[in-house]
Amino acid sequence: MSQPQITGQHHVSMITKDAKQNLWFYTEVLGLRLVKKTVNQDDPTMYHLFYGNSNGAPGTEVSFFEMPNAGQTRKGTNSISAISLLVPSDEALVYWASRLDTFEVAHEAIVSIEERNSLTFQDSDELTVHLVSAEKDNVTQLVEPWITDDIPPQYAIVGLGPVELTVREASRTKAVLEDILGYTQVRRVPSMGDSKVMVDIYETAKGGLYTELQLKEVNDQDRERPGRGSVHHVAIRVKDLEELTAWAAKITAAGFKNTGVIDRYYFHSLYFRDPNHILFELATDGPGFEIDESFDTLGENLTLPSFLEERREEIASKLHPIQ
């Protein structure tokens, strides 16, 4: 088969110190749906929570590993330094500024960079999040959001937007994005987090905000020390297991150590690090979160992949209630 193409963001995964507080922030403040309450498959003693639109479609998912002992992140280079969530319009940003005020969440003023408006805040773990208006992006295909009682549907969050990578040697990550993963550099703009710093914008497939990775070079900082609010990895979308297997062969042939294909139950994955230590995951679109729960009950119960099911009682006994 011909080499397949990455189609955009799949999910981003972060570290939270407090799953209960994290759940409140992402569901009650931001209005996302908890679509899966499960555990870290590599360490089942910790929660792994997924939030997204109504069914947690690829491209809408943010996920968190709970690490109660996580210290404060020492921000620095060679890190995934910020994520963004898309809203449908510039008017929605005005709504969100007011809503964040209501919940006493500090935020910056709405800014415009090359006619793209955004609003920046930090979540309960001090993770930097940009809300980005998709109003002037004619390419982005907006998904149906999760509808809540108190957020007008026309303002609801509709998925993942650009993800920012801060690295010491941009040329090394650039080579991975272009030569291995098939991204294209499309422009150079001021950073959403600091307009004095320029970032290179990379897109893939048909382009648009939901495919965008922003590459920022900072070589006068120490490497980030991860903690609460740090981004563990960014996952990018591949269609299915057949395509993921082709990607595994390409990444291995290029000399990158990787995990090979892993069955994550809700999707199949492969992980590898670029020369700047950025952790990329390639994840398939399916089978999805309804493989073990009905649509109506997504996120209500602790779900486990089949290989952990026999340890359910042991695993559940080590987890604290969060709902």
Protein backbone atom coordinates (compact mmCIF):
# COMPACT_ATOMS: atom_id res chain seq x y z
CA MET A 1 0.00 0.00 0.00
CA SER A 2 1.10 3.60 -0.53
CA GLN A 3 2.31 5.48 2.52
CA PRO A 4 -0.77 6.64 4.48
CA GLN A 5 -1.26 10.16 5.78
CA ILE A 6 -1.65 11.59 9.27
CA THR A 7 -5.06 13.29 9.41
CA GLY A 8 -4.61 15.60 12.40
CA GLN A 9 -4.74 15.52 16.18
CA HIS A 10 -6.12 12.43 17.91
CA HIS A 11 -5.70 13.38 21.58
CA VAL A 12 -3.31 14.97 24.03
CA SER A 13 -2.47 13.45 27.41
CA MET A 14 -1.51 15.40 30.50
CA ILE A 15 -0.72 14.90 34.20
CA THR A 16 -3.13 15.98 36.91
CA LYS A 17 -2.50 15.96 40.64
CA ASP A 18 -6.17 15.62 41.58
CA ALA A 19 -8.57 13.66 39.38
CA LYS A 20 -11.66 14.90 41.23
CA GLN A 21 -10.74 18.55 40.74
CA ASN A 22 -9.71 17.83 37.16
CA LEU A 23 -13.08 16.20 36.49
CA TRP A 24 -14.90 19.23 37.86
CA PHE A 25 -12.86 21.68 35.78
CA TYR A 26 -13.17 19.92 32.42
CA THR A 27 -16.84 18.97 32.76
CA GLU A 28 -18.36 21.77 34.85
CA VAL A 29 -16.25 24.72 33.70
CA LEU A 30 -15.31 23.74 30.13
CA GLY A 31 -18.38 21.64 29.40
CA LEU A 32 -16.65 18.58 27.96
CA ARG A 33 -18.01 15.09 28.48
CA LEU A 34 -16.20 12.50 30.55
CA VAL A 35 -16.26 9.71 27.96
CA LYS A 36 -14.02 7.18 29.66
CA LYS A 37 -13.04 6.56 33.27
CA THR A 38 -10.30 3.99 33.13
CA VAL A 39 -6.73 3.43 34.34
CA ASN A 40 -3.25 3.84 32.96
CA GLN A 41 -2.72 0.49 31.28
CA ASP A 42 0.98 0.56 32.13
CA ASP A 43 0.30 1.44 35.79
CA PRO A 44 -3.28 0.49 36.77
CA THR A 45 -2.95 2.17 40.17
CA MET A 46 -3.67 5.57 38.55
CA TYR A 47 -6.75 6.93 36.88
CA HIS A 48 -6.75 7.74 33.17
CA LEU A 49 -9.62 10.08 32.32
CA PHE A 50 -10.73 10.98 28.79
CA TYR A 51 -12.87 14.01 27.94
CA GLY A 52 -14.28 15.00 24.57
CA ASN A 53 -17.41 15.61 22.57
CA SER A 54 -20.50 13.42 22.88
CA ASN A 55 -18.69 10.16 22.02
CA GLY A 56 -15.05 11.20 22.43
CA ALA A 57 -14.39 11.28 18.70
CA PRO A 58 -10.73 11.36 17.63
CA GLY A 59 -9.66 14.98 17.45
CA THR A 60 -11.76 16.02 20.46
CA GLU A 61 -10.05 14.07 23.23
CA VAL A 62 -8.01 15.41 26.13
CA SER A 63 -6.86 12.84 28.66
CA PHE A 64 -5.24 12.96 32.08
CA PHE A 65 -3.19 10.58 34.21
CA GLU A 66 -3.69 11.19 37.92
CA MET A 67 -0.41 11.41 39.86
CA PRO A 68 -1.20 12.64 43.39
CA ASN A 69 2.48 13.08 44.22
CA ALA A 70 3.23 15.15 41.14
CA GLY A 71 5.15 18.30 41.96
CA GLN A 72 4.97 21.63 40.18
CA THR A 73 6.14 21.60 36.58
CA ARG A 74 9.37 23.47 35.95
CA LYS A 75 8.61 24.82 32.52
CA GLY A 76 11.34 24.66 29.92
CA THR A 77 12.36 23.49 26.53
CA ASN A 78 12.03 20.08 24.85
CA SER A 79 8.41 19.92 25.89
CA ILE A 80 4.85 20.00 24.62
CA SER A 81 4.32 23.45 26.05
CA ALA A 82 0.66 24.24 25.34
CA ILE A 83 -2.53 22.79 23.93
CA SER A 84 -5.55 24.49 22.42
CA LEU A 85 -9.27 23.83 22.18
CA LEU A 86 -11.41 25.08 19.31
CA VAL A 87 -14.55 27.17 19.62
CA PRO A 88 -16.75 28.00 16.63
CA SER A 89 -16.48 31.79 16.52
CA ASP A 90 -14.91 35.00 17.74
CA GLU A 91 -18.15 35.69 19.60
CA ALA A 92 -17.66 32.42 21.50
CA LEU A 93 -14.38 33.73 22.91
CA VAL A 94 -16.22 36.70 24.43
CA TYR A 95 -18.63 34.24 26.04
CA TRP A 96 -15.75 32.15 27.39
CA ALA A 97 -13.95 35.15 28.86
CA SER A 98 -17.12 35.93 30.82
CA ARG A 99 -17.63 32.30 31.83
CA LEU A 100 -14.07 31.98 33.11
CA ASP A 101 -14.63 35.14 35.15
CA THR A 102 -17.75 33.56 36.65
CA PHE A 103 -15.69 30.59 37.83
CA GLU A 104 -12.85 32.89 38.97
CA VAL A 105 -10.42 31.35 36.47
CA ALA A 106 -7.76 33.90 35.60
CA HIS A 107 -7.23 34.45 31.89
CA GLU A 108 -5.52 36.79 29.49
CA ALA A 109 -7.22 39.23 27.13
CA ILE A 110 -8.46 37.99 23.75
CA VAL A 111 -5.66 38.49 21.21
CA SER A 112 -5.56 38.41 17.43
CA ILE A 113 -2.63 36.93 15.50
CA GLU A 114 -2.96 37.10 11.74
CA GLU A 115 -6.74 37.44 12.07
CA ARG A 116 -6.95 34.40 14.34
CA ASN A 117 -8.39 35.20 17.76
CA SER A 118 -7.55 33.29 20.91
CA LEU A 119 -7.98 33.40 24.67
CA THR A 120 -5.38 31.92 27.06
CA PHE A 121 -5.88 30.56 30.58
CA GLN A 122 -4.48 27.90 32.90
CA ASP A 123 -6.45 24.94 34.20
CA SER A 124 -6.52 23.74 37.80
CA ASP A 125 -3.07 22.15 37.38
CA GLU A 126 -1.57 25.27 35.73
CA LEU A 127 -1.61 23.71 32.27
CA THR A 128 -1.60 26.43 29.60
CA VAL A 129 -4.67 26.18 27.39
CA HIS A 130 -5.54 28.39 24.42
CA LEU A 131 -9.14 28.70 23.29
CA VAL A 132 -8.93 29.37 19.56
CA SER A 133 -11.68 30.66 17.29
CA ALA A 134 -12.19 28.61 14.14
CA GLU A 135 -14.34 31.33 12.54
CA LYS A 136 -11.79 32.33 9.89
CA ASP A 137 -10.42 28.85 9.23
CA ASN A 138 -12.33 27.58 6.20
CA VAL A 139 -10.58 24.20 6.28
CA THR A 140 -11.37 23.07 9.82
CA GLN A 141 -14.24 20.58 10.00
CA LEU A 142 -16.05 21.25 13.26
CA VAL A 143 -17.56 18.29 15.07
CA GLU A 144 -20.80 18.28 17.03
CA PRO A 145 -20.00 19.36 20.59
CA TRP A 146 -21.26 17.86 23.81
CA ILE A 147 -24.32 19.89 24.80
CA THR A 148 -24.72 20.89 28.46
CA ASP A 149 -27.53 22.70 30.22
CA ASP A 150 -25.62 25.90 30.91
CA ILE A 151 -23.40 26.45 27.83
CA PRO A 152 -25.16 27.70 24.68
CA PRO A 153 -24.54 25.17 21.88
CA GLN A 154 -23.18 27.86 19.54
CA TYR A 155 -20.34 28.54 21.99
CA ALA A 156 -19.43 24.98 23.03
CA ILE A 157 -15.93 23.58 22.55
CA VAL A 158 -15.69 21.59 19.32
CA GLY A 159 -12.34 19.80 19.53
CA LEU A 160 -8.58 20.05 19.63
CA GLY A 161 -6.69 22.83 17.90
CA PRO A 162 -2.98 23.60 17.54
CA VAL A 163 -0.45 21.95 19.84
CA GLU A 164 2.74 23.85 20.66
CA LEU A 165 6.14 22.12 20.80
CA THR A 166 9.02 24.03 22.41
CA VAL A 167 12.41 22.58 21.51
CA ARG A 168 16.08 23.41 21.75
CA GLU A 169 16.98 22.51 18.17
CA ALA A 170 14.00 23.09 15.89
CA SER A 171 15.73 21.61 12.84
CA ARG A 172 15.74 18.16 14.43
CA THR A 173 11.99 18.13 15.12
CA LYS A 174 11.35 19.76 11.74
CA ALA A 175 13.05 16.79 10.07
CA VAL A 176 10.79 14.35 11.91
CA LEU A 177 7.64 16.30 11.08
CA GLU A 178 8.47 16.72 7.40
CA ASP A 179 10.55 13.68 6.44
CA ILE A 180 8.94 11.03 8.66
CA LEU A 181 5.40 12.16 9.47
CA GLY A 182 4.61 14.08 6.28
CA TYR A 183 3.79 17.50 7.73
CA THR A 184 4.31 20.67 5.69
CA GLN A 185 5.53 24.01 7.04
CA VAL A 186 2.97 26.60 5.94
CA ARG A 187 3.91 29.84 7.67
CA ARG A 188 5.72 31.54 10.55
CA VAL A 189 3.71 33.58 13.05
CA PRO A 190 3.99 35.03 16.58
CA SER A 191 3.32 32.55 19.34
CA MET A 192 -0.11 32.61 21.00
CA GLY A 193 1.63 32.51 24.36
CA ASP A 194 4.21 35.23 23.65
CA SER A 195 3.84 37.47 20.61
CA LYS A 196 7.55 38.33 20.77
CA VAL A 197 8.49 34.73 19.96
CA MET A 198 7.93 33.27 16.49
CA VAL A 199 6.65 29.76 15.82
CA ASP A 200 6.68 27.66 12.65
CA ILE A 201 3.27 26.27 11.71
CA TYR A 202 3.06 22.71 10.35
CA GLU A 203 -0.05 21.15 8.86
CA THR A 204 -0.92 17.78 7.40
CA ALA A 205 -3.64 16.25 5.21
CA LYS A 206 -6.12 18.96 4.20
CA GLY A 207 -4.69 21.34 6.77
CA GLY A 208 -6.64 23.47 9.18
CA LEU A 209 -6.49 24.17 12.89
CA TYR A 210 -7.19 20.60 13.94
CA THR A 211 -4.02 19.39 12.16
CA GLU A 212 -1.70 22.16 13.28
CA LEU A 213 1.53 21.68 15.23
CA GLN A 214 3.41 24.82 16.25
CA LEU A 215 7.18 24.51 16.57
CA LYS A 216 9.01 27.03 18.75
CA GLU A 217 12.79 27.09 19.24
CA VAL A 218 14.05 28.13 22.67
CA ASN A 219 17.70 27.29 23.32
CA ASP A 220 18.40 29.38 26.43
CA GLN A 221 16.30 27.32 28.86
CA ASP A 222 16.77 24.10 30.75
CA ARG A 223 14.74 21.09 29.73
CA GLU A 224 11.27 20.97 31.26
CA ARG A 225 10.87 19.02 34.48
CA PRO A 226 7.42 17.42 34.21
CA GLY A 227 4.86 17.66 36.98
CA ARG A 228 1.20 18.51 37.41
CA GLY A 229 -0.10 20.30 34.36
CA SER A 230 2.61 19.06 32.03
CA VAL A 231 1.78 17.42 28.71
CA HIS A 232 2.91 13.80 28.54
CA HIS A 233 2.42 13.25 24.81
CA VAL A 234 0.58 14.33 21.70
CA ALA A 235 -1.27 11.67 19.71
CA ILE A 236 -1.86 12.07 15.99
CA ARG A 237 -4.45 10.25 13.90
CA VAL A 238 -4.09 7.30 11.57
CA LYS A 239 -7.06 5.59 9.98
CA ASP A 240 -6.73 1.99 11.11
CA LEU A 241 -4.45 -0.85 12.18
CA GLU A 242 -3.25 -1.51 8.64
CA GLU A 243 -2.06 2.07 8.28
CA LEU A 244 -0.49 2.07 11.74
CA THR A 245 1.49 -1.06 10.81
CA ALA A 246 2.81 0.78 7.74
CA TRP A 247 3.82 3.71 9.94
CA ALA A 248 5.60 1.34 12.33
CA ALA A 249 7.70 0.02 9.45
CA LYS A 250 8.56 3.54 8.26
CA ILE A 251 9.51 4.82 11.71
CA THR A 252 11.63 1.75 12.40
CA ALA A 253 13.36 2.01 9.00
CA ALA A 254 14.22 5.62 9.81
CA GLY A 255 16.14 4.43 12.87
CA PHE A 256 13.78 5.59 15.60
CA LYS A 257 13.29 3.38 18.62
CA ASN A 258 9.58 2.82 19.13
CA THR A 259 7.12 0.65 21.00
CA GLY A 260 5.77 -1.11 17.96
CA VAL A 261 2.00 -1.46 17.67
CA ILE A 262 0.23 -1.68 21.06
CA ASP A 263 -3.41 -2.62 21.56
CA ARG A 264 -4.86 0.10 23.81
CA TYR A 265 -8.32 -1.51 23.58
CA TYR A 266 -10.06 1.72 22.53
CA PHE A 267 -7.50 2.25 19.75
CA HIS A 268 -4.13 0.89 18.63
CA SER A 269 -1.03 2.96 19.23
CA LEU A 270 2.66 3.35 18.58
CA TYR A 271 4.97 5.66 20.55
CA PHE A 272 8.35 7.16 19.73
CA ARG A 273 10.45 10.17 20.75
CA ASP A 274 12.00 12.66 18.39
CA PRO A 275 15.61 13.88 18.92
CA ASN A 276 14.30 16.71 21.15
CA HIS A 277 12.60 14.17 23.43
CA ILE A 278 9.04 15.03 22.27
CA LEU A 279 6.84 11.95 22.75
CA PHE A 280 4.60 11.28 19.76
CA GLU A 281 1.85 8.70 19.71
CA LEU A 282 0.23 7.50 16.51
CA ALA A 283 -3.29 6.30 17.31
CA THR A 284 -6.01 4.69 15.20
CA ASP A 285 -9.50 6.13 14.92
CA GLY A 286 -11.17 3.01 16.28
CA PRO A 287 -12.65 0.95 17.70
CA GLY A 288 -13.62 3.84 20.00
CA PHE A 289 -15.03 4.30 23.48
CA GLU A 290 -18.35 2.57 22.85
CA ILE A 291 -16.64 -0.81 22.62
CA ASP A 292 -17.43 -1.48 26.30
CA GLU A 293 -20.10 1.11 27.21
CA SER A 294 -23.26 2.38 25.59
CA PHE A 295 -23.35 5.94 24.31
CA ASP A 296 -25.74 6.98 27.08
CA THR A 297 -23.52 5.69 29.89
CA LEU A 298 -20.06 6.72 28.65
CA GLY A 299 -17.80 7.69 31.53
CA GLU A 300 -20.19 6.66 34.29
CA ASN A 301 -18.37 3.53 35.45
CA LEU A 302 -14.81 2.32 35.79
CA THR A 303 -13.97 0.47 32.59
CA LEU A 304 -10.96 -1.76 32.09
CA PRO A 305 -9.41 -3.35 29.03
CA SER A 306 -10.07 -7.06 28.84
CA PHE A 307 -6.55 -8.03 29.94
CA LEU A 308 -7.05 -6.14 33.24
CA GLU A 309 -10.64 -7.23 33.90
CA GLU A 310 -9.66 -10.17 36.11
CA ARG A 311 -7.89 -7.69 38.42
CA ARG A 312 -10.91 -5.37 38.70
CA GLU A 313 -11.45 -5.79 42.44
CA GLU A 314 -7.77 -5.21 43.23
CA ILE A 315 -7.52 -2.19 40.91
CA ALA A 316 -10.75 -0.58 42.11
CA SER A 317 -9.68 -0.92 45.76
CA LYS A 318 -6.67 1.33 45.08
CA LEU A 319 -8.67 4.10 43.40
CA HIS A 320 -10.53 6.83 45.26
CA PRO A 321 -14.05 7.95 44.29
CA ILE A 322 -14.09 11.00 42.00
CA GLN A 323 -17.80 11.34 41.17
